[in-house]
Amino acid sequence: MRKKSVLACSACGSRNYSTMKNSSAAGDRLEIKKFCKTCNSHTAHLETK
């Protein structure tokens, strides 16, 4: 089963993206490098609650 997770920019903290994540990997926080419209650059986005 998959669960919905929200990604927030590590630089400014704005929540820009949402993804689906396997529930078996629930202990690990997802980190993806994506484009942030607020910072206007590619930054690391971390999974939030």
PDB file of N, CA and C in Angstrom:
ATOM      1  N   MET A   1       0.834  -1.179   0.000  1.00  0.00           N
ATOM      2  CA  MET A   1       0.000   0.000   0.000  1.00  0.00           C
ATOM      3  C   MET A   1       0.884   1.249   0.000  1.00  0.00           C
ATOM      4  N   ARG A   2       0.415   2.287  -0.652  1.00  0.00           N
ATOM      5  CA  ARG A   2       1.177   3.518  -0.761  1.00  0.00           C
ATOM      6  C   ARG A   2       0.488   4.609   0.035  1.00  0.00           C
ATOM      7  N   LYS A   3       1.300   5.560   0.563  1.00  0.00           N
ATOM      8  CA  LYS A   3       0.720   6.676   1.299  1.00  0.00           C
ATOM      9  C   LYS A   3       1.200   7.985   0.692  1.00  0.00           C
ATOM     10  N   LYS A   4       0.392   9.012   0.853  1.00  0.00           N
ATOM     11  CA  LYS A   4       0.690  10.324   0.291  1.00  0.00           C
ATOM     12  C   LYS A   4       1.644  11.059   1.219  1.00  0.00           C
ATOM     13  N   SER A   5       2.678  11.686   0.643  1.00  0.00           N
ATOM     14  CA  SER A   5       3.610  12.472   1.435  1.00  0.00           C
ATOM     15  C   SER A   5       3.825  13.817   0.747  1.00  0.00           C
ATOM     16  N   VAL A   6       4.059  14.844   1.557  1.00  0.00           N
ATOM     17  CA  VAL A   6       4.247  16.205   1.068  1.00  0.00           C
ATOM     18  C   VAL A   6       5.723  16.542   1.144  1.00  0.00           C
ATOM     19  N   LEU A   7       6.245  17.207   0.105  1.00  0.00           N
ATOM     20  CA  LEU A   7       7.651  17.596   0.066  1.00  0.00           C
ATOM     21  C   LEU A   7       7.778  19.102   0.296  1.00  0.00           C
ATOM     22  N   ALA A   8       8.702  19.484   1.164  1.00  0.00           N
ATOM     23  CA  ALA A   8       8.938  20.894   1.475  1.00  0.00           C
ATOM     24  C   ALA A   8      10.374  21.254   1.120  1.00  0.00           C
ATOM     25  N   CYS A   9      10.573  22.463   0.647  1.00  0.00           N
ATOM     26  CA  CYS A   9      11.900  22.954   0.278  1.00  0.00           C
ATOM     27  C   CYS A   9      12.770  23.071   1.531  1.00  0.00           C
ATOM     28  N   SER A  10      14.013  22.615   1.431  1.00  0.00           N
ATOM     29  CA  SER A  10      14.907  22.683   2.589  1.00  0.00           C
ATOM     30  C   SER A  10      15.433  24.099   2.811  1.00  0.00           C
ATOM     31  N   ALA A  11      15.424  24.948   1.795  1.00  0.00           N
ATOM     32  CA  ALA A  11      15.939  26.313   1.935  1.00  0.00           C
ATOM     33  C   ALA A  11      14.887  27.266   2.508  1.00  0.00           C
ATOM     34  N   CYS A  12      13.703  27.315   1.904  1.00  0.00           N
ATOM     35  CA  CYS A  12      12.695  28.294   2.335  1.00  0.00           C
ATOM     36  C   CYS A  12      11.550  27.671   3.124  1.00  0.00           C
ATOM     37  N   GLY A  13      11.358  26.349   3.032  1.00  0.00           N
ATOM     38  CA  GLY A  13      10.320  25.679   3.808  1.00  0.00           C
ATOM     39  C   GLY A  13       8.958  25.624   3.157  1.00  0.00           C
ATOM     40  N   SER A  14       8.811  26.149   1.947  1.00  0.00           N
ATOM     41  CA  SER A  14       7.504  26.109   1.295  1.00  0.00           C
ATOM     42  C   SER A  14       7.195  24.702   0.806  1.00  0.00           C
ATOM     43  N   ARG A  15       5.943  24.306   0.941  1.00  0.00           N
ATOM     44  CA  ARG A  15       5.507  22.960   0.550  1.00  0.00           C
ATOM     45  C   ARG A  15       5.014  23.011  -0.880  1.00  0.00           C
ATOM     46  N   ASN A  16       5.840  22.490  -1.806  1.00  0.00           N
ATOM     47  CA  ASN A  16       5.568  22.628  -3.231  1.00  0.00           C
ATOM     48  C   ASN A  16       5.018  21.374  -3.897  1.00  0.00           C
ATOM     49  N   TYR A  17       5.426  20.198  -3.464  1.00  0.00           N
ATOM     50  CA  TYR A  17       5.121  18.969  -4.167  1.00  0.00           C
ATOM     51  C   TYR A  17       4.497  17.933  -3.243  1.00  0.00           C
ATOM     52  N   SER A  18       3.727  17.003  -3.838  1.00  0.00           N
ATOM     53  CA  SER A  18       3.232  15.842  -3.116  1.00  0.00           C
ATOM     54  C   SER A  18       3.499  14.612  -3.966  1.00  0.00           C
ATOM     55  N   THR A  19       3.858  13.509  -3.305  1.00  0.00           N
ATOM     56  CA  THR A  19       4.176  12.268  -3.996  1.00  0.00           C
ATOM     57  C   THR A  19       3.543  11.108  -3.260  1.00  0.00           C
ATOM     58  N   MET A  20       3.591   9.935  -3.879  1.00  0.00           N
ATOM     59  CA  MET A  20       3.142   8.706  -3.248  1.00  0.00           C
ATOM     60  C   MET A  20       4.377   7.908  -2.850  1.00  0.00           C
ATOM     61  N   LYS A  21       4.315   7.283  -1.669  1.00  0.00           N
ATOM     62  CA  LYS A  21       5.465   6.583  -1.123  1.00  0.00           C
ATOM     63  C   LYS A  21       5.019   5.224  -0.615  1.00  0.00           C
ATOM     64  N   ASN A  22       5.874   4.204  -0.773  1.00  0.00           N
ATOM     65  CA  ASN A  22       5.562   2.888  -0.240  1.00  0.00           C
ATOM     66  C   ASN A  22       5.478   2.955   1.271  1.00  0.00           C
ATOM     67  N   SER A  23       4.500   2.290   1.844  1.00  0.00           N
ATOM     68  CA  SER A  23       4.359   2.305   3.300  1.00  0.00           C
ATOM     69  C   SER A  23       5.415   1.434   3.969  1.00  0.00           C
ATOM     70  N   SER A  24       6.052   0.513   3.220  1.00  0.00           N
ATOM     71  CA  SER A  24       7.102  -0.320   3.798  1.00  0.00           C
ATOM     72  C   SER A  24       8.359   0.496   4.112  1.00  0.00           C
ATOM     73  N   ALA A  25       8.556   1.624   3.449  1.00  0.00           N
ATOM     74  CA  ALA A  25       9.709   2.493   3.685  1.00  0.00           C
ATOM     75  C   ALA A  25       9.305   3.653   4.596  1.00  0.00           C
ATOM     76  N   ALA A  26       8.433   3.394   5.548  1.00  0.00           N
ATOM     77  CA  ALA A  26       7.880   4.458   6.390  1.00  0.00           C
ATOM     78  C   ALA A  26       8.933   5.084   7.304  1.00  0.00           C
ATOM     79  N   GLY A  27      10.002   4.360   7.648  1.00  0.00           N
ATOM     80  CA  GLY A  27      11.008   4.893   8.552  1.00  0.00           C
ATOM     81  C   GLY A  27      11.930   5.899   7.905  1.00  0.00           C
ATOM     82  N   ASP A  28      12.093   5.846   6.596  1.00  0.00           N
ATOM     83  CA  ASP A  28      13.017   6.735   5.891  1.00  0.00           C
ATOM     84  C   ASP A  28      12.294   7.984   5.408  1.00  0.00           C
ATOM     85  N   ARG A  29      12.962   9.136   5.562  1.00  0.00           N
ATOM     86  CA  ARG A  29      12.410  10.381   5.028  1.00  0.00           C
ATOM     87  C   ARG A  29      12.883  10.545   3.590  1.00  0.00           C
ATOM     88  N   LEU A  30      11.959  10.813   2.716  1.00  0.00           N
ATOM     89  CA  LEU A  30      12.247  10.958   1.300  1.00  0.00           C
ATOM     90  C   LEU A  30      12.924  12.300   1.044  1.00  0.00           C
ATOM     91  N   GLU A  31      13.974  12.303   0.202  1.00  0.00           N
ATOM     92  CA  GLU A  31      14.670  13.546  -0.167  1.00  0.00           C
ATOM     93  C   GLU A  31      14.886  13.531  -1.670  1.00  0.00           C
ATOM     94  N   ILE A  32      14.318  14.524  -2.362  1.00  0.00           N
ATOM     95  CA  ILE A  32      14.415  14.634  -3.819  1.00  0.00           C
ATOM     96  C   ILE A  32      14.834  16.053  -4.168  1.00  0.00           C
ATOM     97  N   LYS A  33      15.704  16.188  -5.163  1.00  0.00           N
ATOM     98  CA  LYS A  33      16.119  17.504  -5.620  1.00  0.00           C
ATOM     99  C   LYS A  33      15.131  17.960  -6.704  1.00  0.00           C
ATOM    100  N   LYS A  34      14.400  19.051  -6.417  1.00  0.00           N
ATOM    101  CA  LYS A  34      13.381  19.569  -7.325  1.00  0.00           C
ATOM    102  C   LYS A  34      13.487  21.089  -7.423  1.00  0.00           C
ATOM    103  N   PHE A  35      12.731  21.661  -8.372  1.00  0.00           N
ATOM    104  CA  PHE A  35      12.722  23.103  -8.573  1.00  0.00           C
ATOM    105  C   PHE A  35      11.751  23.760  -7.606  1.00  0.00           C
ATOM    106  N   CYS A  36      12.200  24.800  -6.932  1.00  0.00           N
ATOM    107  CA  CYS A  36      11.354  25.570  -6.011  1.00  0.00           C
ATOM    108  C   CYS A  36      11.019  26.904  -6.669  1.00  0.00           C
ATOM    109  N   LYS A  37       9.721  27.198  -6.799  1.00  0.00           N
ATOM    110  CA  LYS A  37       9.298  28.453  -7.422  1.00  0.00           C
ATOM    111  C   LYS A  37       9.613  29.657  -6.542  1.00  0.00           C
ATOM    112  N   THR A  38       9.607  29.467  -5.235  1.00  0.00           N
ATOM    113  CA  THR A  38       9.882  30.568  -4.313  1.00  0.00           C
ATOM    114  C   THR A  38      11.351  30.961  -4.346  1.00  0.00           C
ATOM    115  N   CYS A  39      12.244  29.956  -4.305  1.00  0.00           N
ATOM    116  CA  CYS A  39      13.689  30.219  -4.336  1.00  0.00           C
ATOM    117  C   CYS A  39      14.197  30.456  -5.754  1.00  0.00           C
ATOM    118  N   ASN A  40      13.438  30.015  -6.745  1.00  0.00           N
ATOM    119  CA  ASN A  40      13.795  30.124  -8.162  1.00  0.00           C
ATOM    120  C   ASN A  40      15.088  29.365  -8.471  1.00  0.00           C
ATOM    121  N   SER A  41      15.244  28.190  -7.848  1.00  0.00           N
ATOM    122  CA  SER A  41      16.409  27.349  -8.099  1.00  0.00           C
ATOM    123  C   SER A  41      16.085  25.907  -7.720  1.00  0.00           C
ATOM    124  N   HIS A  42      16.968  24.985  -8.099  1.00  0.00           N
ATOM    125  CA  HIS A  42      16.828  23.580  -7.736  1.00  0.00           C
ATOM    126  C   HIS A  42      17.405  23.377  -6.338  1.00  0.00           C
ATOM    127  N   THR A  43      16.576  22.876  -5.419  1.00  0.00           N
ATOM    128  CA  THR A  43      16.999  22.622  -4.046  1.00  0.00           C
ATOM    129  C   THR A  43      16.508  21.246  -3.613  1.00  0.00           C
ATOM    130  N   ALA A  44      17.033  20.767  -2.509  1.00  0.00           N
ATOM    131  CA  ALA A  44      16.585  19.492  -1.949  1.00  0.00           C
ATOM    132  C   ALA A  44      15.239  19.691  -1.281  1.00  0.00           C
ATOM    133  N   HIS A  45      14.298  18.796  -1.553  1.00  0.00           N
ATOM    134  CA  HIS A  45      12.982  18.827  -0.932  1.00  0.00           C
ATOM    135  C   HIS A  45      12.859  17.601  -0.036  1.00  0.00           C
ATOM    136  N   LEU A  46      12.469  17.818   1.222  1.00  0.00           N
ATOM    137  CA  LEU A  46      12.364  16.752   2.207  1.00  0.00           C
ATOM    138  C   LEU A  46      10.900  16.449   2.496  1.00  0.00           C
ATOM    139  N   GLU A  47      10.652  15.195   2.846  1.00  0.00           N
ATOM    140  CA  GLU A  47       9.302  14.765   3.201  1.00  0.00           C
ATOM    141  C   GLU A  47       8.907  15.377   4.541  1.00  0.00           C
ATOM    142  N   THR A  48       7.679  15.914   4.623  1.00  0.00           N
ATOM    143  CA  THR A  48       7.148  16.471   5.858  1.00  0.00           C
ATOM    144  C   THR A  48       5.933  15.679   6.288  1.00  0.00           C
ATOM    145  N   LYS A  49       5.410  16.000   7.450  1.00  0.00           N
ATOM    146  CA  LYS A  49       4.215  15.306   7.949  1.00  0.00           C
ATOM    147  C   LYS A  49       2.957  15.975   7.481  1.00  0.00           C
TER     148      LYS A  49
END
